[in-house]
């Protein structure tokens, strides 16, 4: 199973977003794997500052539980100053509808 989604950066935060992800906390990596996530990539459209995320997950319910972990909420707080967020600091994310897949 896989998911695609989009988020949005604030202007001028491209390098900082990339830096923070290049230094992703080991605890965050562990949480992603423990909640069934793998092969996770994020791409940036520099013209629109739109981020496109792709992740393969084992199970939608297991993956959703990761959002409610302490480390995930800490990550959201850490990222809130450089991207669009909801009142709880979760990123404003829109799931994308899959229209084509090829293995």
C-alpha atoms as a PDB file:
ATOM      1  CA  UNK A   1       0.000   0.000   0.000  1.00  0.00           C
ATOM      2  CA  UNK A   2       1.278   3.499  -0.714  1.00  0.00           C
ATOM      3  CA  UNK A   3       0.279   7.103  -0.064  1.00  0.00           C
ATOM      4  CA  UNK A   4       0.898  10.347  -1.875  1.00  0.00           C
ATOM      5  CA  UNK A   5       0.249  13.734  -0.300  1.00  0.00           C
ATOM      6  CA  UNK A   6       1.145  17.390  -0.649  1.00  0.00           C
ATOM      7  CA  UNK A   7       2.145  20.071   1.840  1.00  0.00           C
ATOM      8  CA  UNK A   8       3.434  23.635   1.501  1.00  0.00           C
ATOM      9  CA  UNK A   9       6.571  25.449   2.654  1.00  0.00           C
ATOM     10  CA  UNK A  10       6.867  29.086   3.616  1.00  0.00           C
ATOM     11  CA  UNK A  11       8.911  31.216   1.215  1.00  0.00           C
ATOM     12  CA  UNK A  12      12.641  31.115   1.836  1.00  0.00           C
ATOM     13  CA  UNK A  13      12.520  27.902   3.892  1.00  0.00           C
ATOM     14  CA  UNK A  14      13.564  25.437   1.195  1.00  0.00           C
ATOM     15  CA  UNK A  15      17.137  24.930   2.423  1.00  0.00           C
ATOM     16  CA  UNK A  16      16.079  24.751   6.064  1.00  0.00           C
ATOM     17  CA  UNK A  17      13.430  22.116   5.315  1.00  0.00           C
ATOM     18  CA  UNK A  18      15.984  19.999   3.473  1.00  0.00           C
ATOM     19  CA  UNK A  19      18.580  20.467   6.237  1.00  0.00           C
ATOM     20  CA  UNK A  20      16.162  19.343   8.937  1.00  0.00           C
ATOM     21  CA  UNK A  21      15.202  16.240   6.998  1.00  0.00           C
ATOM     22  CA  UNK A  22      18.830  15.393   6.244  1.00  0.00           C
ATOM     23  CA  UNK A  23      19.315  15.415  10.026  1.00  0.00           C
ATOM     24  CA  UNK A  24      16.098  13.490  10.787  1.00  0.00           C
ATOM     25  CA  UNK A  25      16.119  12.352  14.394  1.00  0.00           C
ATOM     26  CA  UNK A  26      16.765   8.624  14.858  1.00  0.00           C
ATOM     27  CA  UNK A  27      13.663   8.423  17.084  1.00  0.00           C
ATOM     28  CA  UNK A  28      11.553   9.804  14.240  1.00  0.00           C
ATOM     29  CA  UNK A  29      13.012   7.259  11.812  1.00  0.00           C
ATOM     30  CA  UNK A  30      12.200   4.489  14.291  1.00  0.00           C
ATOM     31  CA  UNK A  31       8.618   5.716  14.726  1.00  0.00           C
ATOM     32  CA  UNK A  32       8.068   5.756  10.956  1.00  0.00           C
ATOM     33  CA  UNK A  33       9.347   2.190  10.634  1.00  0.00           C
ATOM     34  CA  UNK A  34       7.470   0.968  13.736  1.00  0.00           C
ATOM     35  CA  UNK A  35       4.241   2.291  12.233  1.00  0.00           C
ATOM     36  CA  UNK A  36       4.747   0.489   8.944  1.00  0.00           C
ATOM     37  CA  UNK A  37       6.347   3.244   6.850  1.00  0.00           C
ATOM     38  CA  UNK A  38       9.146   2.598   4.360  1.00  0.00           C
ATOM     39  CA  UNK A  39      10.498   3.922   1.074  1.00  0.00           C
ATOM     40  CA  UNK A  40       9.575   7.483   2.127  1.00  0.00           C
ATOM     41  CA  UNK A  41      10.436  10.352  -0.214  1.00  0.00           C
ATOM     42  CA  UNK A  42       9.541  14.038  -0.269  1.00  0.00           C
ATOM     43  CA  UNK A  43       9.954  16.211  -3.360  1.00  0.00           C
ATOM     44  CA  UNK A  44       9.791  20.018  -3.669  1.00  0.00           C
ATOM     45  CA  UNK A  45       8.257  22.044  -6.494  1.00  0.00           C
ATOM     46  CA  UNK A  46      10.417  25.168  -6.135  1.00  0.00           C
ATOM     47  CA  UNK A  47       8.012  27.326  -8.170  1.00  0.00           C
ATOM     48  CA  UNK A  48       5.014  26.749  -5.898  1.00  0.00           C
ATOM     49  CA  UNK A  49       6.782  25.635  -2.689  1.00  0.00           C
ATOM     50  CA  UNK A  50       4.579  22.558  -2.771  1.00  0.00           C
ATOM     51  CA  UNK A  51       6.025  19.430  -1.198  1.00  0.00           C
ATOM     52  CA  UNK A  52       4.986  16.046  -2.596  1.00  0.00           C
ATOM     53  CA  UNK A  53       5.371  13.093  -0.253  1.00  0.00           C
ATOM     54  CA  UNK A  54       5.340   9.419  -1.170  1.00  0.00           C
ATOM     55  CA  UNK A  55       5.439   6.600   1.377  1.00  0.00           C
ATOM     56  CA  UNK A  56       4.782   2.892   1.327  1.00  0.00           C
ATOM     57  CA  UNK A  57       2.836   1.704   4.368  1.00  0.00           C
ATOM     58  CA  UNK A  58       1.847  -1.697   5.721  1.00  0.00           C
ATOM     59  CA  UNK A  59      -1.560  -0.694   7.042  1.00  0.00           C
ATOM     60  CA  UNK A  60      -3.520   2.578   7.083  1.00  0.00           C
ATOM     61  CA  UNK A  61      -4.665   2.170  10.716  1.00  0.00           C
ATOM     62  CA  UNK A  62      -1.146   1.395  11.961  1.00  0.00           C
ATOM     63  CA  UNK A  63       0.256   4.362  10.048  1.00  0.00           C
ATOM     64  CA  UNK A  64      -2.400   6.709  11.452  1.00  0.00           C
ATOM     65  CA  UNK A  65      -1.420   5.746  15.018  1.00  0.00           C
ATOM     66  CA  UNK A  66       2.032   7.217  14.406  1.00  0.00           C
ATOM     67  CA  UNK A  67       0.551  10.710  14.322  1.00  0.00           C
ATOM     68  CA  UNK A  68      -0.387  10.385  17.980  1.00  0.00           C
ATOM     69  CA  UNK A  69       3.114   9.550  19.245  1.00  0.00           C
ATOM     70  CA  UNK A  70       5.140  11.913  21.405  1.00  0.00           C
ATOM     71  CA  UNK A  71       8.046  12.004  18.939  1.00  0.00           C
ATOM     72  CA  UNK A  72       5.764  12.813  16.020  1.00  0.00           C
ATOM     73  CA  UNK A  73       4.143  15.707  17.888  1.00  0.00           C
ATOM     74  CA  UNK A  74       7.623  16.971  18.816  1.00  0.00           C
ATOM     75  CA  UNK A  75       8.589  16.839  15.109  1.00  0.00           C
ATOM     76  CA  UNK A  76       5.459  18.753  14.139  1.00  0.00           C
ATOM     77  CA  UNK A  77       6.326  21.469  16.677  1.00  0.00           C
ATOM     78  CA  UNK A  78       9.893  21.577  15.335  1.00  0.00           C
ATOM     79  CA  UNK A  79       8.699  22.034  11.737  1.00  0.00           C
ATOM     80  CA  UNK A  80       5.816  24.459  12.376  1.00  0.00           C
ATOM     81  CA  UNK A  81       7.871  27.612  11.827  1.00  0.00           C
ATOM     82  CA  UNK A  82       8.787  26.763   8.221  1.00  0.00           C
ATOM     83  CA  UNK A  83       5.599  25.303   6.718  1.00  0.00           C
ATOM     84  CA  UNK A  84       1.823  25.614   6.709  1.00  0.00           C
ATOM     85  CA  UNK A  85       0.352  23.898   9.755  1.00  0.00           C
ATOM     86  CA  UNK A  86      -2.952  23.249  11.471  1.00  0.00           C
ATOM     87  CA  UNK A  87      -3.685  24.602  14.980  1.00  0.00           C
ATOM     88  CA  UNK A  88      -2.121  21.439  16.522  1.00  0.00           C
ATOM     89  CA  UNK A  89       1.073  22.060  14.452  1.00  0.00           C
ATOM     90  CA  UNK A  90       0.391  19.079  12.177  1.00  0.00           C
ATOM     91  CA  UNK A  91       1.272  19.971   8.595  1.00  0.00           C
ATOM     92  CA  UNK A  92      -1.567  21.033   6.368  1.00  0.00           C
ATOM     93  CA  UNK A  93      -1.503  17.952   4.142  1.00  0.00           C
ATOM     94  CA  UNK A  94      -3.771  16.900   1.323  1.00  0.00           C
ATOM     95  CA  UNK A  95      -3.906  13.253   0.317  1.00  0.00           C
ATOM     96  CA  UNK A  96      -3.540  12.743  -3.405  1.00  0.00           C
ATOM     97  CA  UNK A  97      -5.675  10.301  -5.366  1.00  0.00           C
ATOM     98  CA  UNK A  98      -3.595   7.617  -7.125  1.00  0.00           C
ATOM     99  CA  UNK A  99      -4.297   7.427 -10.851  1.00  0.00           C
ATOM    100  CA  UNK A 100      -1.432   5.244 -12.113  1.00  0.00           C
ATOM    101  CA  UNK A 101       1.106   2.811 -10.685  1.00  0.00           C
ATOM    102  CA  UNK A 102       3.708   0.607 -12.353  1.00  0.00           C
ATOM    103  CA  UNK A 103       5.992  -1.855 -10.567  1.00  0.00           C
END
